[in-house]
């Protein structure tokens, strides 16, 4: 019985990459609007309005920009045009390290200009990009959040 269970486990491990390869790639290309009603920030949302434009996403590189209207009235525009290489790419407001982890998802390890660090995973569907993540405050507190971005144009 132990041999059968071991053989079954090995078969699952060997076919897992094939199952992932069979999943169709989903590009995040499109225009998005942040949905504050379906997003969830237990500590309170940092923005009052946000838009995101993804002009290119082939799974190897991405071109993304955001307009973020912060609750304090400041407006931040940022962009990134580069690879999903998992390496930090520095910007004025945010440093990001994007990595494709599935045909329909990518991760981001980020550091904000104020020093806040976090990790998030963006899952892509034809209608939304849903970002589930957490950030760490200066005292080491971990804060989970969910951001939902509605696709408004392909």
Foldseek 3Di string as FASTA:
>chain_A
DVVVVVVVVVVCVVCVVVVLVPDAADFPAAKWWWDPVPKDWPVDDQFPTKIKGWHDDPQFWTWMWMWTQGPVRDIDIDIDTTTLQQDWDDDPFKTWRWHDDGSFKIKIWMAGPVGKTKIWMWGDDPFWTKIWIWIQDPVRDITIIIIIITGDTD
